[in-house]
Amino acid sequence: LGWNTLAAIGLVESEHGTMNGSVIGRNGIAVPRIIGIPLD
């Protein structure tokens, strides 16, 4: 597994944890939490 594959998934899934104004802090936690729409 290449690091670049994980990075590509991170980009597509959540823009590296920055989707909808979220930020990954130095402690590694995304805030605010990233939660998608209901799969209804």
PDB file of all heavy atoms in Angstrom:
ATOM      1  N   LEU A   1       0.832  -1.202   0.000  1.00  0.00           N
ATOM      2  CA  LEU A   1       0.000   0.000   0.000  1.00  0.00           C
ATOM      3  C   LEU A   1       0.864   1.248   0.000  1.00  0.00           C
ATOM      4  O   LEU A   1       1.776   1.388   0.814  1.00  0.00           O
ATOM      5  CB  LEU A   1      -0.910  -0.006   1.235  1.00  0.00           C
ATOM      6  CG  LEU A   1      -1.756   1.251   1.456  1.00  0.00           C
ATOM      7  CD1 LEU A   1      -2.786   1.416   0.338  1.00  0.00           C
ATOM      8  CD2 LEU A   1      -2.443   1.195   2.818  1.00  0.00           C
ATOM      9  N   GLY A   2       0.572   2.177  -0.902  1.00  0.00           N
ATOM     10  CA  GLY A   2       1.296   3.436  -0.952  1.00  0.00           C
ATOM     11  C   GLY A   2       0.634   4.514  -0.118  1.00  0.00           C
ATOM     12  O   GLY A   2      -0.592   4.578  -0.018  1.00  0.00           O
ATOM     13  N   TRP A   3       1.448   5.383   0.472  1.00  0.00           N
ATOM     14  CA  TRP A   3       0.909   6.512   1.232  1.00  0.00           C
ATOM     15  C   TRP A   3       0.023   7.375   0.340  1.00  0.00           C
ATOM     16  O   TRP A   3      -0.968   7.969   0.801  1.00  0.00           O
ATOM     17  CB  TRP A   3       2.052   7.363   1.799  1.00  0.00           C
ATOM     18  CG  TRP A   3       2.808   8.123   0.733  1.00  0.00           C
ATOM     19  CD1 TRP A   3       3.916   7.717   0.053  1.00  0.00           C
ATOM     20  CD2 TRP A   3       2.464   9.420   0.201  1.00  0.00           C
ATOM     21  NE1 TRP A   3       4.285   8.661  -0.876  1.00  0.00           N
ATOM     22  CE2 TRP A   3       3.425   9.724  -0.800  1.00  0.00           C
ATOM     23  CE3 TRP A   3       1.466  10.351   0.466  1.00  0.00           C
ATOM     24  CZ2 TRP A   3       3.401  10.917  -1.528  1.00  0.00           C
ATOM     25  CZ3 TRP A   3       1.438  11.542  -0.261  1.00  0.00           C
ATOM     26  CH2 TRP A   3       2.399  11.814  -1.247  1.00  0.00           C
ATOM     27  N   ASN A   4       0.380   7.434  -0.949  1.00  0.00           N
ATOM     28  CA  ASN A   4      -0.356   8.304  -1.865  1.00  0.00           C
ATOM     29  C   ASN A   4      -1.781   7.820  -2.096  1.00  0.00           C
ATOM     30  O   ASN A   4      -2.691   8.618  -2.343  1.00  0.00           O
ATOM     31  CB  ASN A   4       0.379   8.415  -3.201  1.00  0.00           C
ATOM     32  CG  ASN A   4       0.635   7.064  -3.843  1.00  0.00           C
ATOM     33  OD1 ASN A   4       1.185   6.160  -3.227  1.00  0.00           O
ATOM     34  ND2 ASN A   4       0.230   6.909  -5.085  1.00  0.00           N
ATOM     35  N   THR A   5      -2.009   6.501  -1.984  1.00  0.00           N
ATOM     36  CA  THR A   5      -3.371   5.989  -2.112  1.00  0.00           C
ATOM     37  C   THR A   5      -4.222   6.410  -0.918  1.00  0.00           C
ATOM     38  O   THR A   5      -5.364   6.853  -1.065  1.00  0.00           O
ATOM     39  CB  THR A   5      -3.360   4.458  -2.250  1.00  0.00           C
ATOM     40  OG1 THR A   5      -2.776   4.105  -3.503  1.00  0.00           O
ATOM     41  CG2 THR A   5      -4.773   3.887  -2.197  1.00  0.00           C
ATOM     42  N   LEU A   6      -3.656   6.302   0.287  1.00  0.00           N
ATOM     43  CA  LEU A   6      -4.383   6.753   1.473  1.00  0.00           C
ATOM     44  C   LEU A   6      -4.648   8.255   1.407  1.00  0.00           C
ATOM     45  O   LEU A   6      -5.740   8.725   1.747  1.00  0.00           O
ATOM     46  CB  LEU A   6      -3.583   6.422   2.736  1.00  0.00           C
ATOM     47  CG  LEU A   6      -3.502   4.948   3.119  1.00  0.00           C
ATOM     48  CD1 LEU A   6      -2.534   4.763   4.282  1.00  0.00           C
ATOM     49  CD2 LEU A   6      -4.875   4.396   3.487  1.00  0.00           C
ATOM     50  N   ALA A   7      -3.661   9.013   0.952  1.00  0.00           N
ATOM     51  CA  ALA A   7      -3.841  10.459   0.839  1.00  0.00           C
ATOM     52  C   ALA A   7      -4.912  10.804  -0.185  1.00  0.00           C
ATOM     53  O   ALA A   7      -5.714  11.729   0.023  1.00  0.00           O
ATOM     54  CB  ALA A   7      -2.523  11.123   0.463  1.00  0.00           C
ATOM     55  N   ALA A   8      -4.962  10.056  -1.270  1.00  0.00           N
ATOM     56  CA  ALA A   8      -5.980  10.312  -2.294  1.00  0.00           C
ATOM     57  C   ALA A   8      -7.378  10.039  -1.759  1.00  0.00           C
ATOM     58  O   ALA A   8      -8.320  10.809  -2.003  1.00  0.00           O
ATOM     59  CB  ALA A   8      -5.712   9.446  -3.524  1.00  0.00           C
ATOM     60  N   ILE A   9      -7.531   8.959  -0.990  1.00  0.00           N
ATOM     61  CA  ILE A   9      -8.827   8.668  -0.386  1.00  0.00           C
ATOM     62  C   ILE A   9      -9.187   9.753   0.622  1.00  0.00           C
ATOM     63  O   ILE A   9     -10.327  10.226   0.676  1.00  0.00           O
ATOM     64  CB  ILE A   9      -8.812   7.276   0.270  1.00  0.00           C
ATOM     65  CG1 ILE A   9      -8.750   6.197  -0.816  1.00  0.00           C
ATOM     66  CG2 ILE A   9     -10.040   7.070   1.150  1.00  0.00           C
ATOM     67  CD1 ILE A   9      -8.565   4.793  -0.285  1.00  0.00           C
ATOM     68  N   GLY A  10      -8.209  10.181   1.421  1.00  0.00           N
ATOM     69  CA  GLY A  10      -8.468  11.249   2.378  1.00  0.00           C
ATOM     70  C   GLY A  10      -8.911  12.533   1.712  1.00  0.00           C
ATOM     71  O   GLY A  10      -9.773  13.264   2.231  1.00  0.00           O
ATOM     72  N   LEU A  11      -8.340  12.827   0.539  1.00  0.00           N
ATOM     73  CA  LEU A  11      -8.740  14.023  -0.208  1.00  0.00           C
ATOM     74  C   LEU A  11     -10.181  13.892  -0.697  1.00  0.00           C
ATOM     75  O   LEU A  11     -11.005  14.794  -0.507  1.00  0.00           O
ATOM     76  CB  LEU A  11      -7.807  14.225  -1.401  1.00  0.00           C
ATOM     77  CG  LEU A  11      -8.229  15.319  -2.386  1.00  0.00           C
ATOM     78  CD1 LEU A  11      -8.144  16.694  -1.729  1.00  0.00           C
ATOM     79  CD2 LEU A  11      -7.384  15.270  -3.652  1.00  0.00           C
ATOM     80  N   VAL A  12     -10.488  12.769  -1.335  1.00  0.00           N
ATOM     81  CA  VAL A  12     -11.813  12.590  -1.924  1.00  0.00           C
ATOM     82  C   VAL A  12     -12.894  12.488  -0.844  1.00  0.00           C
ATOM     83  O   VAL A  12     -13.996  13.027  -0.995  1.00  0.00           O
ATOM     84  CB  VAL A  12     -11.831  11.340  -2.839  1.00  0.00           C
ATOM     85  CG1 VAL A  12     -13.227  11.054  -3.342  1.00  0.00           C
ATOM     86  CG2 VAL A  12     -10.872  11.545  -4.021  1.00  0.00           C
ATOM     87  N   GLU A  13     -12.584  11.825   0.250  1.00  0.00           N
ATOM     88  CA  GLU A  13     -13.588  11.607   1.283  1.00  0.00           C
ATOM     89  C   GLU A  13     -13.889  12.846   2.116  1.00  0.00           C
ATOM     90  O   GLU A  13     -15.043  13.119   2.426  1.00  0.00           O
ATOM     91  CB  GLU A  13     -13.152  10.466   2.213  1.00  0.00           C
ATOM     92  CG  GLU A  13     -13.153   9.090   1.569  1.00  0.00           C
ATOM     93  CD  GLU A  13     -14.546   8.582   1.271  1.00  0.00           C
ATOM     94  OE1 GLU A  13     -15.535   9.237   1.637  1.00  0.00           O
ATOM     95  OE2 GLU A  13     -14.659   7.510   0.658  1.00  0.00           O
ATOM     96  N   SER A  14     -12.844  13.579   2.510  1.00  0.00           N
ATOM     97  CA  SER A  14     -13.100  14.693   3.443  1.00  0.00           C
ATOM     98  C   SER A  14     -12.175  15.881   3.253  1.00  0.00           C
ATOM     99  O   SER A  14     -12.072  16.735   4.124  1.00  0.00           O
ATOM    100  CB  SER A  14     -12.950  14.199   4.888  1.00  0.00           C
ATOM    101  OG  SER A  14     -11.583  13.968   5.206  1.00  0.00           O
ATOM    102  N   GLU A  15     -11.486  15.931   2.106  1.00  0.00           N
ATOM    103  CA  GLU A  15     -10.524  17.006   1.864  1.00  0.00           C
ATOM    104  C   GLU A  15      -9.506  17.060   3.003  1.00  0.00           C
ATOM    105  O   GLU A  15      -9.185  18.111   3.544  1.00  0.00           O
ATOM    106  CB  GLU A  15     -11.242  18.347   1.680  1.00  0.00           C
ATOM    107  CG  GLU A  15     -12.202  18.344   0.500  1.00  0.00           C
ATOM    108  CD  GLU A  15     -13.095  19.579   0.440  1.00  0.00           C
ATOM    109  OE1 GLU A  15     -12.809  20.549   1.173  1.00  0.00           O
ATOM    110  OE2 GLU A  15     -14.069  19.555  -0.318  1.00  0.00           O
ATOM    111  N   HIS A  16      -9.017  15.891   3.362  1.00  0.00           N
ATOM    112  CA  HIS A  16      -8.026  15.726   4.425  1.00  0.00           C
ATOM    113  C   HIS A  16      -8.528  16.260   5.763  1.00  0.00           C
ATOM    114  O   HIS A  16      -7.790  16.901   6.523  1.00  0.00           O
ATOM    115  CB  HIS A  16      -6.699  16.404   4.055  1.00  0.00           C
ATOM    116  CG  HIS A  16      -6.119  15.946   2.763  1.00  0.00           C
ATOM    117  ND1 HIS A  16      -5.856  14.617   2.502  1.00  0.00           N
ATOM    118  CD2 HIS A  16      -5.775  16.638   1.635  1.00  0.00           C
ATOM    119  CE1 HIS A  16      -5.336  14.513   1.276  1.00  0.00           C
ATOM    120  NE2 HIS A  16      -5.294  15.705   0.740  1.00  0.00           N
ATOM    121  N   GLY A  17      -9.790  15.972   6.026  1.00  0.00           N
ATOM    122  CA  GLY A  17     -10.350  16.368   7.314  1.00  0.00           C
ATOM    123  C   GLY A  17     -10.765  17.813   7.416  1.00  0.00           C
ATOM    124  O   GLY A  17     -11.038  18.299   8.518  1.00  0.00           O
ATOM    125  N   THR A  18     -10.872  18.511   6.278  1.00  0.00           N
ATOM    126  CA  THR A  18     -11.250  19.925   6.315  1.00  0.00           C
ATOM    127  C   THR A  18     -12.646  20.186   5.741  1.00  0.00           C
ATOM    128  O   THR A  18     -13.050  21.335   5.616  1.00  0.00           O
ATOM    129  CB  THR A  18     -10.228  20.777   5.530  1.00  0.00           C
ATOM    130  OG1 THR A  18     -10.285  20.441   4.139  1.00  0.00           O
ATOM    131  CG2 THR A  18      -8.822  20.554   6.054  1.00  0.00           C
ATOM    132  N   MET A  19     -13.367  19.119   5.404  1.00  0.00           N
ATOM    133  CA  MET A  19     -14.683  19.270   4.804  1.00  0.00           C
ATOM    134  C   MET A  19     -15.634  19.999   5.760  1.00  0.00           C
ATOM    135  O   MET A  19     -15.633  19.754   6.967  1.00  0.00           O
ATOM    136  CB  MET A  19     -15.242  17.900   4.442  1.00  0.00           C
ATOM    137  CG  MET A  19     -16.555  17.919   3.690  1.00  0.00           C
ATOM    138  SD  MET A  19     -16.981  16.250   3.084  1.00  0.00           S
ATOM    139  CE  MET A  19     -17.381  15.418   4.618  1.00  0.00           C
ATOM    140  N   ASN A  20     -16.434  20.890   5.203  1.00  0.00           N
ATOM    141  CA  ASN A  20     -17.450  21.631   5.967  1.00  0.00           C
ATOM    142  C   ASN A  20     -16.865  22.387   7.150  1.00  0.00           C
ATOM    143  O   ASN A  20     -17.491  22.501   8.204  1.00  0.00           O
ATOM    144  CB  ASN A  20     -18.555  20.689   6.440  1.00  0.00           C
ATOM    145  CG  ASN A  20     -19.298  20.038   5.294  1.00  0.00           C
ATOM    146  OD1 ASN A  20     -19.414  20.612   4.208  1.00  0.00           O
ATOM    147  ND2 ASN A  20     -19.804  18.831   5.507  1.00  0.00           N
ATOM    148  N   GLY A  21     -15.655  22.905   6.963  1.00  0.00           N
ATOM    149  CA  GLY A  21     -15.053  23.734   7.998  1.00  0.00           C
ATOM    150  C   GLY A  21     -14.352  22.982   9.102  1.00  0.00           C
ATOM    151  O   GLY A  21     -13.877  23.593  10.070  1.00  0.00           O
ATOM    152  N   SER A  22     -14.263  21.674   8.996  1.00  0.00           N
ATOM    153  CA  SER A  22     -13.570  20.904  10.027  1.00  0.00           C
ATOM    154  C   SER A  22     -12.065  21.079   9.901  1.00  0.00           C
ATOM    155  O   SER A  22     -11.546  21.426   8.839  1.00  0.00           O
ATOM    156  CB  SER A  22     -13.938  19.422   9.911  1.00  0.00           C
ATOM    157  OG  SER A  22     -13.394  18.683  10.972  1.00  0.00           O
ATOM    158  N   VAL A  23     -11.364  20.861  11.000  1.00  0.00           N
ATOM    159  CA  VAL A  23      -9.903  20.957  11.026  1.00  0.00           C
ATOM    160  C   VAL A  23      -9.365  19.813  11.875  1.00  0.00           C
ATOM    161  O   VAL A  23      -9.926  19.497  12.929  1.00  0.00           O
ATOM    162  CB  VAL A  23      -9.437  22.304  11.626  1.00  0.00           C
ATOM    163  CG1 VAL A  23      -7.921  22.332  11.761  1.00  0.00           C
ATOM    164  CG2 VAL A  23      -9.903  23.474  10.776  1.00  0.00           C
ATOM    165  N   ILE A  24      -8.277  19.201  11.415  1.00  0.00           N
ATOM    166  CA  ILE A  24      -7.605  18.178  12.219  1.00  0.00           C
ATOM    167  C   ILE A  24      -6.580  18.879  13.093  1.00  0.00           C
ATOM    168  O   ILE A  24      -5.631  19.493  12.597  1.00  0.00           O
ATOM    169  CB  ILE A  24      -6.932  17.121  11.342  1.00  0.00           C
ATOM    170  CG1 ILE A  24      -7.987  16.325  10.563  1.00  0.00           C
ATOM    171  CG2 ILE A  24      -6.089  16.172  12.188  1.00  0.00           C
ATOM    172  CD1 ILE A  24      -7.424  15.321   9.596  1.00  0.00           C
ATOM    173  N   GLY A  25      -6.777  18.803  14.395  1.00  0.00           N
ATOM    174  CA  GLY A  25      -5.880  19.465  15.326  1.00  0.00           C
ATOM    175  C   GLY A  25      -4.576  18.720  15.508  1.00  0.00           C
ATOM    176  O   GLY A  25      -4.372  17.625  14.970  1.00  0.00           O
ATOM    177  N   ARG A  26      -3.679  19.284  16.276  1.00  0.00           N
ATOM    178  CA  ARG A  26      -2.390  18.644  16.547  1.00  0.00           C
ATOM    179  C   ARG A  26      -2.583  17.302  17.236  1.00  0.00           C
ATOM    180  O   ARG A  26      -1.748  16.412  17.122  1.00  0.00           O
ATOM    181  CB  ARG A  26      -1.524  19.559  17.410  1.00  0.00           C
ATOM    182  CG  ARG A  26      -1.101  20.838  16.689  1.00  0.00           C
ATOM    183  CD  ARG A  26      -0.232  21.698  17.573  1.00  0.00           C
ATOM    184  NE  ARG A  26       1.027  21.024  17.906  1.00  0.00           N
ATOM    185  CZ  ARG A  26       1.942  21.544  18.732  1.00  0.00           C
ATOM    186  NH1 ARG A  26       1.725  22.718  19.317  1.00  0.00           N
ATOM    187  NH2 ARG A  26       3.067  20.875  18.981  1.00  0.00           N
ATOM    188  N   ASN A  27      -3.713  17.159  17.955  1.00  0.00           N
ATOM    189  CA  ASN A  27      -4.001  15.886  18.618  1.00  0.00           C
ATOM    190  C   ASN A  27      -4.573  14.842  17.662  1.00  0.00           C
ATOM    191  O   ASN A  27      -4.853  13.708  18.062  1.00  0.00           O
ATOM    192  CB  ASN A  27      -4.965  16.093  19.785  1.00  0.00           C
ATOM    193  CG  ASN A  27      -6.339  16.594  19.349  1.00  0.00           C
ATOM    194  OD1 ASN A  27      -6.571  16.840  18.164  1.00  0.00           O
ATOM    195  ND2 ASN A  27      -7.236  16.753  20.295  1.00  0.00           N
ATOM    196  N   GLY A  28      -4.766  15.222  16.391  1.00  0.00           N
ATOM    197  CA  GLY A  28      -5.223  14.266  15.378  1.00  0.00           C
ATOM    198  C   GLY A  28      -6.725  14.141  15.240  1.00  0.00           C
ATOM    199  O   GLY A  28      -7.204  13.395  14.381  1.00  0.00           O
ATOM    200  N   ILE A  29      -7.480  14.879  16.020  1.00  0.00           N
ATOM    201  CA  ILE A  29      -8.941  14.745  15.993  1.00  0.00           C
ATOM    202  C   ILE A  29      -9.566  15.826  15.121  1.00  0.00           C
ATOM    203  O   ILE A  29      -9.215  17.006  15.209  1.00  0.00           O
ATOM    204  CB  ILE A  29      -9.507  14.797  17.407  1.00  0.00           C
ATOM    205  CG1 ILE A  29      -8.902  13.668  18.203  1.00  0.00           C
ATOM    206  CG2 ILE A  29     -11.009  14.815  17.406  1.00  0.00           C
ATOM    207  CD1 ILE A  29      -9.580  13.176  19.378  1.00  0.00           C
ATOM    208  N   ALA A  30     -10.496  15.402  14.257  1.00  0.00           N
ATOM    209  CA  ALA A  30     -11.203  16.338  13.387  1.00  0.00           C
ATOM    210  C   ALA A  30     -12.322  17.025  14.172  1.00  0.00           C
ATOM    211  O   ALA A  30     -13.186  16.365  14.736  1.00  0.00           O
ATOM    212  CB  ALA A  30     -11.786  15.602  12.189  1.00  0.00           C
ATOM    213  N   VAL A  31     -12.291  18.365  14.173  1.00  0.00           N
ATOM    214  CA  VAL A  31     -13.295  19.162  14.870  1.00  0.00           C
ATOM    215  C   VAL A  31     -13.722  20.308  13.961  1.00  0.00           C
ATOM    216  O   VAL A  31     -12.868  21.001  13.403  1.00  0.00           O
ATOM    217  CB  VAL A  31     -12.734  19.731  16.197  1.00  0.00           C
ATOM    218  CG1 VAL A  31     -13.771  20.611  16.885  1.00  0.00           C
ATOM    219  CG2 VAL A  31     -12.274  18.619  17.121  1.00  0.00           C
ATOM    220  N   PRO A  32     -15.047  20.546  13.806  1.00  0.00           N
ATOM    221  CA  PRO A  32     -16.130  19.698  14.301  1.00  0.00           C
ATOM    222  C   PRO A  32     -16.134  18.333  13.623  1.00  0.00           C
ATOM    223  O   PRO A  32     -15.502  18.132  12.590  1.00  0.00           O
ATOM    224  CB  PRO A  32     -17.390  20.489  13.962  1.00  0.00           C
ATOM    225  CG  PRO A  32     -16.986  21.455  12.916  1.00  0.00           C
ATOM    226  CD  PRO A  32     -15.537  21.706  13.060  1.00  0.00           C
ATOM    227  N   ARG A  33     -16.846  17.405  14.236  1.00  0.00           N
ATOM    228  CA  ARG A  33     -16.886  16.050  13.717  1.00  0.00           C
ATOM    229  C   ARG A  33     -17.471  16.011  12.310  1.00  0.00           C
ATOM    230  O   ARG A  33     -18.384  16.773  11.988  1.00  0.00           O
ATOM    231  CB  ARG A  33     -17.705  15.160  14.647  1.00  0.00           C
ATOM    232  CG  ARG A  33     -17.063  14.976  16.008  1.00  0.00           C
ATOM    233  CD  ARG A  33     -17.889  14.091  16.896  1.00  0.00           C
ATOM    234  NE  ARG A  33     -17.165  13.749  18.109  1.00  0.00           N
ATOM    235  CZ  ARG A  33     -17.598  12.904  19.028  1.00  0.00           C
ATOM    236  NH1 ARG A  33     -18.797  12.311  18.876  1.00  0.00           N
ATOM    237  NH2 ARG A  33     -16.874  12.637  20.101  1.00  0.00           N
ATOM    238  N   ILE A  34     -16.927  15.121  11.492  1.00  0.00           N
ATOM    239  CA  ILE A  34     -17.361  14.983  10.102  1.00  0.00           C
ATOM    240  C   ILE A  34     -18.338  13.811  10.014  1.00  0.00           C
ATOM    241  O   ILE A  34     -17.948  12.654  10.194  1.00  0.00           O
ATOM    242  CB  ILE A  34     -16.163  14.765   9.173  1.00  0.00           C
ATOM    243  CG1 ILE A  34     -15.185  15.941   9.292  1.00  0.00           C
ATOM    244  CG2 ILE A  34     -16.629  14.592   7.726  1.00  0.00           C
ATOM    245  CD1 ILE A  34     -13.875  15.727   8.560  1.00  0.00           C
ATOM    246  N   ILE A  35     -19.592  14.124   9.758  1.00  0.00           N
ATOM    247  CA  ILE A  35     -20.634  13.100   9.668  1.00  0.00           C
ATOM    248  C   ILE A  35     -21.450  13.350   8.408  1.00  0.00           C
ATOM    249  O   ILE A  35     -21.929  14.471   8.176  1.00  0.00           O
ATOM    250  CB  ILE A  35     -21.548  13.110  10.907  1.00  0.00           C
ATOM    251  CG1 ILE A  35     -20.704  12.811  12.166  1.00  0.00           C
ATOM    252  CG2 ILE A  35     -22.666  12.087  10.760  1.00  0.00           C
ATOM    253  CD1 ILE A  35     -21.484  12.860  13.449  1.00  0.00           C
ATOM    254  N   GLY A  36     -21.595  12.339   7.580  1.00  0.00           N
ATOM    255  CA  GLY A  36     -22.290  12.476   6.309  1.00  0.00           C
ATOM    256  C   GLY A  36     -23.800  12.492   6.442  1.00  0.00           C
ATOM    257  O   GLY A  36     -24.355  12.413   7.544  1.00  0.00           O
ATOM    258  N   ILE A  37     -24.457  12.567   5.304  1.00  0.00           N
ATOM    259  CA  ILE A  37     -25.916  12.607   5.274  1.00  0.00           C
ATOM    260  C   ILE A  37     -26.481  11.218   5.567  1.00  0.00           C
ATOM    261  O   ILE A  37     -25.785  10.211   5.430  1.00  0.00           O
ATOM    262  CB  ILE A  37     -26.434  13.100   3.908  1.00  0.00           C
ATOM    263  CG1 ILE A  37     -26.074  12.082   2.808  1.00  0.00           C
ATOM    264  CG2 ILE A  37     -25.888  14.470   3.586  1.00  0.00           C
ATOM    265  CD1 ILE A  37     -26.745  12.385   1.481  1.00  0.00           C
ATOM    266  N   PRO A  38     -27.734  11.140   5.981  1.00  0.00           N
ATOM    267  CA  PRO A  38     -28.322   9.821   6.222  1.00  0.00           C
ATOM    268  C   PRO A  38     -28.433   9.023   4.926  1.00  0.00           C
ATOM    269  O   PRO A  38     -28.842   9.547   3.897  1.00  0.00           O
ATOM    270  CB  PRO A  38     -29.706  10.147   6.798  1.00  0.00           C
ATOM    271  CG  PRO A  38     -29.989  11.541   6.357  1.00  0.00           C
ATOM    272  CD  PRO A  38     -28.661  12.231   6.288  1.00  0.00           C
ATOM    273  N   LEU A  39     -28.050   7.765   4.984  1.00  0.00           N
ATOM    274  CA  LEU A  39     -28.149   6.894   3.814  1.00  0.00           C
ATOM    275  C   LEU A  39     -29.548   6.284   3.808  1.00  0.00           C
ATOM    276  O   LEU A  39     -29.750   5.108   4.109  1.00  0.00           O
ATOM    277  CB  LEU A  39     -27.059   5.829   3.870  1.00  0.00           C
ATOM    278  CG  LEU A  39     -25.636   6.378   3.971  1.00  0.00           C
ATOM    279  CD1 LEU A  39     -24.621   5.245   4.018  1.00  0.00           C
ATOM    280  CD2 LEU A  39     -25.318   7.331   2.828  1.00  0.00           C
ATOM    281  N   ASP A  40     -30.506   7.129   3.444  1.00  0.00           N
ATOM    282  CA  ASP A  40     -31.922   6.777   3.592  1.00  0.00           C
ATOM    283  C   ASP A  40     -32.595   6.373   2.297  1.00  0.00           C
ATOM    284  O   ASP A  40     -33.811   6.204   2.240  1.00  0.00           O
ATOM    285  CB  ASP A  40     -32.678   7.947   4.215  1.00  0.00           C
ATOM    286  CG  ASP A  40     -32.579   9.230   3.389  1.00  0.00           C
ATOM    287  OD1 ASP A  40     -32.019   9.195   2.275  1.00  0.00           O
ATOM    288  OD2 ASP A  40     -33.071  10.273   3.868  1.00  0.00           O
TER     289      ASP A  40
END
